[in-house]
N, C-alpha and C. Protein backbone atom coordinates (compact mmCIF):
# COMPACT_ATOMS: atom_id res chain seq x y z
N MET A 1 18.23 75.30 133.46
CA MET A 1 19.39 74.84 134.82
C MET A 1 19.15 73.40 135.18
N ALA A 2 20.28 72.03 135.54
CA ALA A 2 20.32 70.92 135.62
C ALA A 2 19.55 70.97 137.66
N ASN A 3 19.69 71.65 138.44
CA ASN A 3 18.20 71.64 139.30
C ASN A 3 17.29 71.54 139.79
N ASP A 4 17.06 72.00 138.22
CA ASP A 4 15.09 72.18 138.62
C ASP A 4 14.09 71.96 138.57
N ASN A 5 14.58 70.38 138.60
CA ASN A 5 13.80 69.57 138.54
C ASN A 5 13.91 68.22 139.93
N LEU A 6 14.61 69.04 140.89
CA LEU A 6 15.19 68.08 142.19
C LEU A 6 14.53 69.46 142.79
N ASP A 7 13.52 68.46 144.01
CA ASP A 7 13.40 68.56 145.51
C ASP A 7 14.24 70.09 146.30
N LYS A 8 13.50 70.99 145.86
CA LYS A 8 13.62 72.36 146.49
C LYS A 8 14.12 72.27 147.88
N ILE A 9 14.75 72.06 148.93
CA ILE A 9 14.77 71.65 150.35
C ILE A 9 14.66 73.42 151.31
N PHE A 10 15.02 73.93 150.86
CA PHE A 10 14.29 75.32 150.81
C PHE A 10 12.99 76.04 150.52
N ASP A 11 12.68 76.04 149.84
CA ASP A 11 10.74 76.14 148.98
C ASP A 11 10.23 75.97 150.14
N ARG A 12 10.29 74.64 150.59
CA ARG A 12 9.33 74.14 151.15
C ARG A 12 9.42 73.65 152.97
N PRO A 13 8.43 73.58 153.53
CA PRO A 13 8.47 72.74 154.66
C PRO A 13 9.68 71.76 154.35
N ILE A 14 9.38 70.99 155.35
CA ILE A 14 10.29 69.75 155.85
C ILE A 14 9.66 68.77 157.20
N PRO A 15 9.91 68.15 156.60
CA PRO A 15 8.93 66.91 157.22
C PRO A 15 9.09 67.36 158.59
N GLY A 16 8.15 67.13 159.56
CA GLY A 16 8.12 68.03 161.16
C GLY A 16 8.29 69.42 160.47
N GLU A 17 8.20 70.47 160.25
CA GLU A 17 8.61 71.70 160.41
C GLU A 17 7.26 72.48 160.94
N THR A 18 7.03 73.13 161.56
CA THR A 18 5.42 73.84 161.43
C THR A 18 6.12 74.93 160.28
N ALA A 19 4.29 75.73 160.30
CA ALA A 19 4.10 76.61 159.52
C ALA A 19 5.01 78.05 159.76
N LYS A 20 4.97 78.55 161.51
CA LYS A 20 5.38 78.98 161.81
C LYS A 20 6.79 78.72 161.76
N ALA A 21 7.11 77.76 162.28
CA ALA A 21 9.10 77.60 161.74
C ALA A 21 9.46 77.99 161.03
N PHE A 22 8.35 77.38 159.45
CA PHE A 22 8.59 77.64 158.45
C PHE A 22 9.36 79.19 157.67
N GLU A 23 8.13 79.73 158.42
CA GLU A 23 7.92 81.63 158.17
C GLU A 23 9.02 81.75 158.15
N TRP A 24 9.78 81.74 159.79
CA TRP A 24 10.64 81.84 160.30
C TRP A 24 12.12 81.48 159.53
N PHE A 25 11.71 80.49 159.00
CA PHE A 25 13.24 79.73 158.32
C PHE A 25 13.19 81.12 156.94
N CYS A 26 12.15 81.31 156.19
CA CYS A 26 12.29 81.49 154.93
C CYS A 26 12.50 83.31 154.94
N ARG A 27 11.55 84.09 156.86
CA ARG A 27 12.98 85.14 156.58
C ARG A 27 14.48 85.08 156.62
N TYR A 28 14.61 84.15 157.33
CA TYR A 28 16.24 84.73 157.48
C TYR A 28 17.08 83.99 156.30
N ARG A 29 15.94 82.64 155.83
CA ARG A 29 16.80 82.55 154.33
C ARG A 29 16.81 84.20 153.27
N ASP A 30 15.80 84.18 152.85
CA ASP A 30 15.67 85.95 152.07
C ASP A 30 16.62 86.66 152.83
N LEU A 31 17.45 86.48 154.16
CA LEU A 31 18.05 87.43 154.32
C LEU A 31 19.63 88.10 153.49
N GLY A 32 20.16 87.18 153.35
CA GLY A 32 21.13 86.69 152.10
C GLY A 32 21.83 86.38 152.99
N GLY A 33 23.25 86.61 152.35
CA GLY A 33 24.47 86.05 152.55
C GLY A 33 25.31 86.15 154.66
N GLU A 34 24.59 87.51 154.56
CA GLU A 34 25.32 87.80 156.75
C GLU A 34 23.93 87.80 157.43
N ARG A 35 23.62 86.86 156.89
CA ARG A 35 21.92 86.20 157.46
C ARG A 35 22.77 85.43 159.06
N THR A 36 22.24 86.25 159.77
CA THR A 36 21.66 85.53 161.12
C THR A 36 20.58 85.72 161.92
N LEU A 37 20.45 84.43 163.35
CA LEU A 37 19.68 84.62 164.14
C LEU A 37 19.23 86.00 165.02
N VAL A 38 20.13 86.34 165.29
CA VAL A 38 20.03 87.91 165.89
C VAL A 38 19.58 89.31 164.99
N LYS A 39 19.59 88.98 163.60
CA LYS A 39 18.99 89.93 163.11
C LYS A 39 17.64 89.50 162.09
N VAL A 40 17.80 88.88 161.83
CA VAL A 40 16.57 88.07 161.79
C VAL A 40 14.90 88.44 163.38
N ALA A 41 15.47 88.37 164.20
CA ALA A 41 14.74 88.24 165.38
C ALA A 41 14.24 89.80 165.17
N GLU A 42 15.80 90.79 165.32
CA GLU A 42 16.20 92.62 165.35
C GLU A 42 14.86 92.86 164.59
N LEU A 43 15.59 92.38 163.12
CA LEU A 43 13.89 93.25 161.96
C LEU A 43 12.93 92.89 162.02
N TYR A 44 12.30 91.59 163.05
CA TYR A 44 11.00 91.83 163.19
C TYR A 44 10.45 91.82 163.97
N GLY A 45 11.12 93.13 164.62
CA GLY A 45 10.70 93.25 165.95
C GLY A 45 10.65 92.22 167.35
N LYS A 46 11.37 90.89 167.51
CA LYS A 46 10.96 89.86 168.31
C LYS A 46 12.12 90.15 169.82
N GLU A 47 12.15 90.27 170.49
CA GLU A 47 13.10 89.81 171.96
C GLU A 47 13.88 88.80 171.60
N THR A 48 15.32 89.75 172.51
CA THR A 48 16.40 88.64 172.55
C THR A 48 16.07 86.98 172.50
N ALA A 49 15.37 87.18 173.51
CA ALA A 49 14.55 85.37 173.93
C ALA A 49 13.69 84.47 173.36
N TYR A 50 13.75 85.15 171.76
CA TYR A 50 12.86 84.96 171.02
C TYR A 50 14.00 84.29 170.10
N ILE A 51 15.29 84.69 170.62
CA ILE A 51 16.36 83.84 169.42
C ILE A 51 16.36 82.62 169.70
N GLN A 52 16.15 81.77 170.76
CA GLN A 52 16.33 80.64 171.10
C GLN A 52 15.24 80.14 171.06
N GLN A 53 14.48 80.32 170.26
CA GLN A 53 13.57 79.60 169.73
C GLN A 53 13.62 79.38 168.89
N LEU A 54 14.29 80.40 167.55
CA LEU A 54 14.81 80.54 166.37
C LEU A 54 16.14 79.94 166.48
N GLN A 55 17.03 79.67 167.13
CA GLN A 55 18.12 78.22 167.88
C GLN A 55 17.37 76.90 167.45
N LYS A 56 16.52 76.75 168.35
CA LYS A 56 15.78 74.84 168.29
C LYS A 56 15.47 75.12 166.84
N TRP A 57 15.12 76.00 166.53
CA TRP A 57 14.11 75.57 164.86
C TRP A 57 15.28 75.49 163.86
N SER A 58 16.43 76.43 164.42
CA SER A 58 17.38 76.39 163.47
C SER A 58 17.77 75.23 163.42
N CYS A 59 18.06 74.22 164.59
CA CYS A 59 19.08 73.43 164.45
C CYS A 59 18.45 72.53 164.03
N LYS A 60 17.29 72.14 164.18
CA LYS A 60 15.49 71.03 164.81
C LYS A 60 16.05 70.67 163.08
N HIS A 61 15.56 72.29 161.84
CA HIS A 61 15.23 71.53 160.42
C HIS A 61 16.43 72.23 159.73
N HIS A 62 17.52 72.55 160.35
CA HIS A 62 18.84 72.15 159.46
C HIS A 62 19.04 73.91 158.70
N TRP A 63 19.15 75.07 159.43
CA TRP A 63 18.43 75.88 158.55
C TRP A 63 19.81 76.37 158.28
N VAL A 64 20.28 76.08 158.71
CA VAL A 64 21.62 76.73 157.65
C VAL A 64 22.42 75.97 156.20
N SER A 65 22.15 74.09 156.05
CA SER A 65 22.18 73.61 155.22
C SER A 65 21.55 73.74 154.11
N ARG A 66 20.14 73.76 154.28
CA ARG A 66 19.17 74.76 153.05
C ARG A 66 19.01 75.78 152.90
N THR A 67 19.70 77.47 153.71
CA THR A 67 20.17 78.37 153.32
C THR A 67 21.58 78.04 152.52
N LEU A 68 22.31 76.87 152.86
CA LEU A 68 23.27 76.76 151.37
C LEU A 68 23.41 76.60 150.61
N SER A 69 22.08 75.89 150.66
CA SER A 69 21.89 74.80 149.41
C SER A 69 20.76 76.21 148.54
N PHE A 70 19.80 77.68 149.50
CA PHE A 70 19.10 78.50 148.82
C PHE A 70 20.21 79.71 148.45
N ASP A 71 21.99 79.43 148.63
CA ASP A 71 22.92 80.38 147.85
C ASP A 71 23.13 79.90 146.91
N GLN A 72 23.67 78.81 147.15
CA GLN A 72 24.00 77.98 146.20
C GLN A 72 23.46 78.38 144.56
N TYR A 73 21.86 77.79 145.66
CA TYR A 73 20.99 77.75 143.69
C TYR A 73 21.30 79.14 142.99
N ARG A 74 20.30 80.33 144.29
CA ARG A 74 20.65 81.24 143.85
C ARG A 74 22.26 82.08 143.40
N ASN A 75 23.19 81.74 143.04
CA ASN A 75 24.20 81.93 142.85
C ASN A 75 24.34 80.82 141.53
N GLN A 76 23.66 79.48 141.52
CA GLN A 76 24.31 79.21 140.08
C GLN A 76 23.28 79.69 138.64
N ILE A 77 22.08 80.50 139.09
CA ILE A 77 21.20 80.50 138.34
C ILE A 77 21.48 82.45 137.99
N LEU A 78 22.98 83.34 139.46
CA LEU A 78 23.04 84.35 138.38
C LEU A 78 24.56 83.37 137.50
N LEU A 79 25.31 82.70 137.84
CA LEU A 79 26.41 82.27 136.94
C LEU A 79 25.91 82.12 135.27
N ASP A 80 24.46 80.68 135.42
CA ASP A 80 23.96 80.23 133.86
C ASP A 80 23.41 82.06 133.26
N GLU A 81 22.62 83.34 134.13
CA GLU A 81 22.14 84.53 133.97
C GLU A 81 23.23 84.55 133.32
N GLN A 82 24.77 85.02 133.34
CA GLN A 82 25.77 85.69 133.41
C GLN A 82 26.54 84.72 132.44
N ASP A 83 26.49 83.89 131.90
CA ASP A 83 26.59 82.45 130.93
C ASP A 83 25.98 83.14 129.45
N ARG A 84 24.99 82.88 130.14
CA ARG A 84 24.06 83.51 128.62
C ARG A 84 24.15 84.53 128.45
N ILE A 85 24.18 85.95 128.94
CA ILE A 85 24.53 87.18 128.62
C ILE A 85 25.98 86.70 127.64
N GLU A 86 27.10 86.82 127.97
CA GLU A 86 28.42 86.44 127.27
C GLU A 86 28.44 85.97 126.21
N ILE A 87 27.81 84.88 125.47
CA ILE A 87 27.69 84.16 125.50
C ILE A 87 26.84 85.38 124.27
N GLU A 88 25.84 85.85 124.15
CA GLU A 88 24.65 86.67 123.80
C GLU A 88 26.11 87.78 123.12
N ARG A 89 26.75 88.47 123.50
CA ARG A 89 27.05 89.51 123.48
C ARG A 89 28.61 89.08 122.82
N ALA A 90 29.09 88.02 123.02
CA ALA A 90 29.78 87.06 122.38
C ALA A 90 29.29 86.66 120.27
N ARG A 91 28.32 86.29 120.38
CA ARG A 91 27.59 86.25 119.04
C ARG A 91 27.06 87.99 118.36
N LEU A 92 26.73 88.99 118.79
CA LEU A 92 26.39 90.47 117.99
C LEU A 92 27.71 90.72 118.09
N SER A 93 29.21 90.59 118.99
CA SER A 93 30.47 91.16 118.92
C SER A 93 30.49 90.11 117.48
N SER A 94 30.46 88.88 117.56
CA SER A 94 30.95 88.64 116.45
C SER A 94 29.98 88.51 114.88
N GLN A 95 29.07 88.89 115.43
CA GLN A 95 27.94 89.84 114.26
C GLN A 95 28.49 90.87 114.11
N GLN A 96 28.70 92.07 114.77
CA GLN A 96 29.23 93.03 114.26
C GLN A 96 30.39 93.17 113.17
N TRP A 97 31.35 92.27 114.07
CA TRP A 97 33.04 92.30 113.00
C TRP A 97 32.80 92.22 112.11
N ASN A 98 31.26 90.77 111.73
CA ASN A 98 31.45 89.69 110.05
C ASN A 98 31.37 91.44 109.45
N GLN A 99 29.67 92.09 110.21
CA GLN A 99 29.21 92.95 109.23
C GLN A 99 31.20 93.66 108.20
N ARG A 100 31.42 94.95 109.27
CA ARG A 100 33.15 94.93 109.22
C ARG A 100 33.75 94.40 108.48
N GLN A 101 33.97 93.62 108.27
CA GLN A 101 34.79 93.73 107.40
C GLN A 101 34.03 92.83 105.86
N LYS A 102 32.62 92.58 105.31
CA LYS A 102 31.99 92.61 104.69
C LYS A 102 32.19 93.93 103.90
N GLU A 103 31.87 95.54 104.95
CA GLU A 103 32.46 96.36 104.68
C GLU A 103 33.06 97.17 104.08
N LEU A 104 34.61 96.41 104.63
CA LEU A 104 35.95 96.78 104.28
C LEU A 104 36.13 96.24 103.56
N ARG A 105 35.25 94.50 103.16
CA ARG A 105 36.17 94.42 101.37
C ARG A 105 35.27 95.34 100.17
N GLU A 106 34.27 95.28 101.26
CA GLU A 106 33.62 95.80 100.03
C GLU A 106 34.72 97.86 99.21
N GLU A 107 34.44 98.58 100.42
CA GLU A 107 35.99 99.42 100.29
C GLU A 107 36.42 99.09 98.97
N GLU A 108 37.13 97.83 100.15
CA GLU A 108 38.49 97.20 99.73
C GLU A 108 38.59 97.27 97.83
N TRP A 109 37.38 97.22 97.48
CA TRP A 109 37.31 96.00 95.76
C TRP A 109 37.08 97.42 95.06
N GLU A 110 36.21 98.43 95.49
CA GLU A 110 35.57 98.97 95.22
C GLU A 110 36.91 100.42 94.50
N MET A 111 37.99 100.53 95.54
CA MET A 111 39.24 101.07 95.55
C MET A 111 40.09 100.84 94.38
N SER A 112 40.12 99.06 94.53
CA SER A 112 40.41 98.59 93.62
C SER A 112 39.91 98.48 92.22
N ARG A 113 39.13 98.39 92.09
CA ARG A 113 38.31 99.25 90.55
C ARG A 113 39.00 100.55 90.12
N LEU A 114 39.12 101.26 91.65
CA LEU A 114 38.91 102.62 91.14
C LEU A 114 40.68 102.87 91.27
N LEU A 115 41.15 102.24 91.16
CA LEU A 115 42.52 102.73 91.36
C LEU A 115 43.33 101.62 89.31
N LEU A 116 42.56 100.38 89.63
CA LEU A 116 43.51 100.38 87.94
C LEU A 116 42.44 100.56 87.12
N ALA A 117 41.72 100.36 87.26
CA ALA A 117 40.41 102.12 85.72
C ALA A 117 41.73 103.24 85.81
N LYS A 118 42.46 103.18 87.04
CA LYS A 118 43.70 105.00 86.90
C LYS A 118 44.91 103.88 86.00
N ALA A 119 44.87 103.14 86.40
CA ALA A 119 46.31 102.99 85.84
C ALA A 119 46.16 102.48 84.29
N ARG A 120 44.82 102.05 84.07
CA ARG A 120 44.26 101.66 82.20
C ARG A 120 44.26 102.32 81.88
N GLU A 121 43.91 104.22 82.63
CA GLU A 121 43.58 105.22 81.72
C GLU A 121 45.27 106.27 81.55
N MET A 122 45.88 105.54 82.30
CA MET A 122 47.49 106.02 82.23
C MET A 122 48.11 104.92 80.61
N LEU A 123 47.24 103.95 81.54
CA LEU A 123 48.13 102.84 80.60
C LEU A 123 47.94 103.68 78.67
N SER A 124 46.80 103.57 78.80
CA SER A 124 46.16 104.31 77.52
C SER A 124 46.90 105.56 76.50
N TYR A 125 47.57 105.95 77.34
CA TYR A 125 48.07 107.64 76.75
C TYR A 125 49.39 106.55 76.00
N SER A 126 50.01 107.11 74.57
CA SER A 126 51.42 107.36 74.04
C SER A 126 51.96 107.44 75.05
N LEU A 127 53.20 106.37 74.67
CA LEU A 127 54.67 107.11 75.21
C LEU A 127 54.75 108.72 75.33
N ASP A 128 54.71 109.03 73.46
CA ASP A 128 55.26 110.65 74.06
C ASP A 128 54.27 111.39 74.54
N GLU A 129 53.37 111.06 75.35
CA GLU A 129 51.86 112.26 75.52
C GLU A 129 51.34 111.72 77.07
N ARG A 130 52.44 110.83 77.58
CA ARG A 130 52.41 110.71 79.14
C ARG A 130 52.94 111.51 79.88
N ARG A 131 52.60 111.09 81.40
CA ARG A 131 53.28 111.77 82.33
C ARG A 131 52.60 111.23 83.29
N TRP A 132 53.83 110.74 83.26
CA TRP A 132 53.96 109.04 84.29
C TRP A 132 54.55 108.59 83.94
N THR A 133 55.48 107.54 85.29
CA THR A 133 56.64 106.50 84.21
C THR A 133 55.60 104.98 84.84
N PHE A 134 56.71 103.53 84.01
CA PHE A 134 56.06 102.49 84.67
C PHE A 134 55.68 102.79 85.63
N ARG A 135 56.91 102.98 86.74
CA ARG A 135 56.49 102.82 88.33
C ARG A 135 55.34 102.69 88.89
N ASP A 136 55.02 104.39 88.29
CA ASP A 136 54.01 104.84 88.31
C ASP A 136 52.71 104.02 88.56
N ALA A 137 52.25 103.80 87.09
CA ALA A 137 51.29 103.16 87.25
C ALA A 137 51.87 101.18 87.45
N ALA A 138 52.59 100.59 87.82
CA ALA A 138 52.81 99.39 88.40
C ALA A 138 52.83 99.72 89.86
N ALA A 139 53.27 100.64 90.76
CA ALA A 139 52.45 101.14 92.18
C ALA A 139 51.30 100.97 92.11
N MET A 140 50.39 101.77 90.78
CA MET A 140 48.95 101.39 90.96
C MET A 140 48.45 100.50 90.49
N ILE A 141 48.98 99.52 90.19
CA ILE A 141 48.34 98.56 89.37
C ILE A 141 47.97 97.61 90.87
N GLN A 142 50.13 97.38 91.34
CA GLN A 142 49.87 95.72 92.85
C GLN A 142 49.13 97.04 93.75
N LEU A 143 48.80 98.88 94.01
CA LEU A 143 47.49 98.14 95.42
C LEU A 143 46.80 97.85 94.88
N GLY A 144 46.28 98.42 93.25
CA GLY A 144 44.95 97.68 93.10
C GLY A 144 44.54 95.94 93.01
N MET A 145 45.60 95.26 92.98
CA MET A 145 45.37 93.99 93.25
C MET A 145 46.08 94.01 94.85
N GLU A 146 46.27 94.96 95.25
CA GLU A 146 46.48 93.86 96.59
C GLU A 146 44.95 94.59 96.94
N LEU A 147 44.51 95.92 96.92
CA LEU A 147 43.66 95.81 97.27
C LEU A 147 42.60 94.36 97.13
N ALA A 148 42.09 94.57 95.63
CA ALA A 148 41.00 93.15 94.76
C ALA A 148 41.40 92.04 96.14
N LYS A 149 42.90 91.80 96.09
CA LYS A 149 43.02 90.17 96.41
C LYS A 149 42.80 90.34 98.12
N SER A 150 42.66 91.40 98.86
CA SER A 150 42.38 91.59 99.78
C SER A 150 41.19 91.37 100.05
N ALA A 151 39.70 91.92 98.91
CA ALA A 151 38.60 92.20 99.08
C ALA A 151 37.90 90.77 99.03
N THR A 152 39.15 89.48 98.50
CA THR A 152 38.40 88.91 97.27
C THR A 152 39.07 87.56 98.17
N GLU A 153 39.84 86.89 98.78
CA GLU A 153 40.97 86.69 99.73
C GLU A 153 41.24 85.50 98.82
N ILE A 154 42.00 86.32 97.50
CA ILE A 154 42.77 85.48 97.21
C ILE A 154 44.51 85.91 97.21
N THR A 155 44.83 84.27 96.58
CA THR A 155 46.42 84.19 97.13
C THR A 155 47.28 85.82 96.15
N GLU A 156 48.43 86.09 97.17
CA GLU A 156 49.66 86.76 95.94
C GLU A 156 49.17 86.98 94.62
N MET A 157 49.47 87.54 94.53
CA MET A 157 49.63 88.47 92.46
C MET A 157 51.12 89.22 92.36
N ASP A 158 52.48 88.64 92.08
CA ASP A 158 52.96 90.11 92.08
C ASP A 158 52.83 90.71 90.62
N VAL A 159 53.42 92.66 90.93
CA VAL A 159 53.13 93.16 89.77
C VAL A 159 53.96 92.68 88.80
N LEU A 160 54.28 91.81 87.88
CA LEU A 160 54.44 91.89 87.38
C LEU A 160 53.86 90.64 86.68
N THR A 161 53.00 89.74 87.16
CA THR A 161 52.03 88.72 87.03
C THR A 161 51.11 89.83 86.84
N ALA A 162 50.64 89.86 87.18
CA ALA A 162 49.25 92.16 87.32
C ALA A 162 49.43 92.51 85.81
N ILE A 163 50.99 92.93 85.20
CA ILE A 163 50.41 93.60 83.99
C ILE A 163 50.55 92.42 83.12
N LYS A 164 50.82 91.45 83.21
CA LYS A 164 50.99 90.16 82.18
C LYS A 164 49.51 89.97 82.19
N THR A 165 48.63 89.59 82.86
CA THR A 165 47.43 89.57 82.86
C THR A 165 46.57 91.03 83.01
N LEU A 166 47.21 92.25 82.59
CA LEU A 166 46.21 92.98 81.23
C LEU A 166 47.23 92.74 81.07
N ALA A 167 47.97 92.51 80.34
CA ALA A 167 48.36 92.68 78.53
C ALA A 167 47.65 91.88 77.56
N ASP A 168 47.60 90.13 78.53
CA ASP A 168 46.81 89.03 78.02
C ASP A 168 45.68 89.70 77.30
N ALA A 169 45.20 90.86 78.60
CA ALA A 169 43.12 90.78 78.07
C ALA A 169 43.16 91.81 77.10
N ASP A 170 44.15 92.09 77.15
CA ASP A 170 44.30 93.58 75.98
C ASP A 170 43.93 94.56 76.39
N ILE A 171 44.19 95.40 77.63
CA ILE A 171 43.88 96.03 78.30
C ILE A 171 45.32 97.31 77.66
N LEU A 172 46.29 96.75 78.44
CA LEU A 172 47.35 97.96 78.47
C LEU A 172 47.72 97.96 76.41
N PRO A 173 47.54 99.45 76.01
CA PRO A 173 48.67 99.28 74.72
C PRO A 173 49.91 98.96 74.01
N GLY A 174 49.60 98.39 73.04
CA GLY A 174 50.38 97.92 72.41
C GLY A 174 52.07 98.33 72.85
N GLU A 175 52.74 98.97 72.46
CA GLU A 175 53.84 99.42 72.91
C GLU A 175 54.30 99.34 74.37
N VAL A 176 53.41 98.95 75.32
CA VAL A 176 53.36 98.44 76.78
C VAL A 176 54.34 97.32 76.70
N CYS A 177 53.11 96.21 75.55
CA CYS A 177 53.28 95.17 76.18
C CYS A 177 54.44 94.57 75.41
N GLU A 178 54.29 94.78 73.98
CA GLU A 178 56.14 94.71 73.91
C GLU A 178 57.17 95.17 74.14
N ARG A 179 57.15 96.27 75.31
CA ARG A 179 58.13 96.04 76.26
C ARG A 179 58.28 95.48 77.55
N LEU A 180 57.10 94.03 77.33
CA LEU A 180 57.50 93.75 79.08
C LEU A 180 57.51 92.10 78.15
N LYS A 181 58.17 91.83 76.46
CA LYS A 181 58.56 90.66 76.47
C LYS A 181 60.27 90.52 76.50
């Protein structure tokens, strides 16, 4: 924290403050945001008359401003810790989402491979023995390619381009390639 090197006027007696006055200041300071001289006197079993002594010390040794500094210091520590926790949470969340994205890409890639393999298998049958339509194969190829693109972040490829790519790679039967021309 930036204020760590500064003298903390709430951690030590100020010039002219006796040890006893500083002890009572610390008791007052440590009561927190709802501190009062009456509360500190009551808490430590002092008579109402002792409050006058506390008032003298409080005025003479600037207890209110010192406790304000103390409260601000503690609040800053809490804020810094909250910031650190939020940064760590964001880092962990980012790591988790990166891992999920990686797992999804792997799944998309595997599905694309399976769909494209099935499409190849479908297209390997002769036109006479097939039980599917070119629309079925095209849909499977399109889905497979979309999953592959998504998994690898490749730009868009239309179905015709995908089929031509398969044809150029001699994956499709010759009769299918002839129909594309």
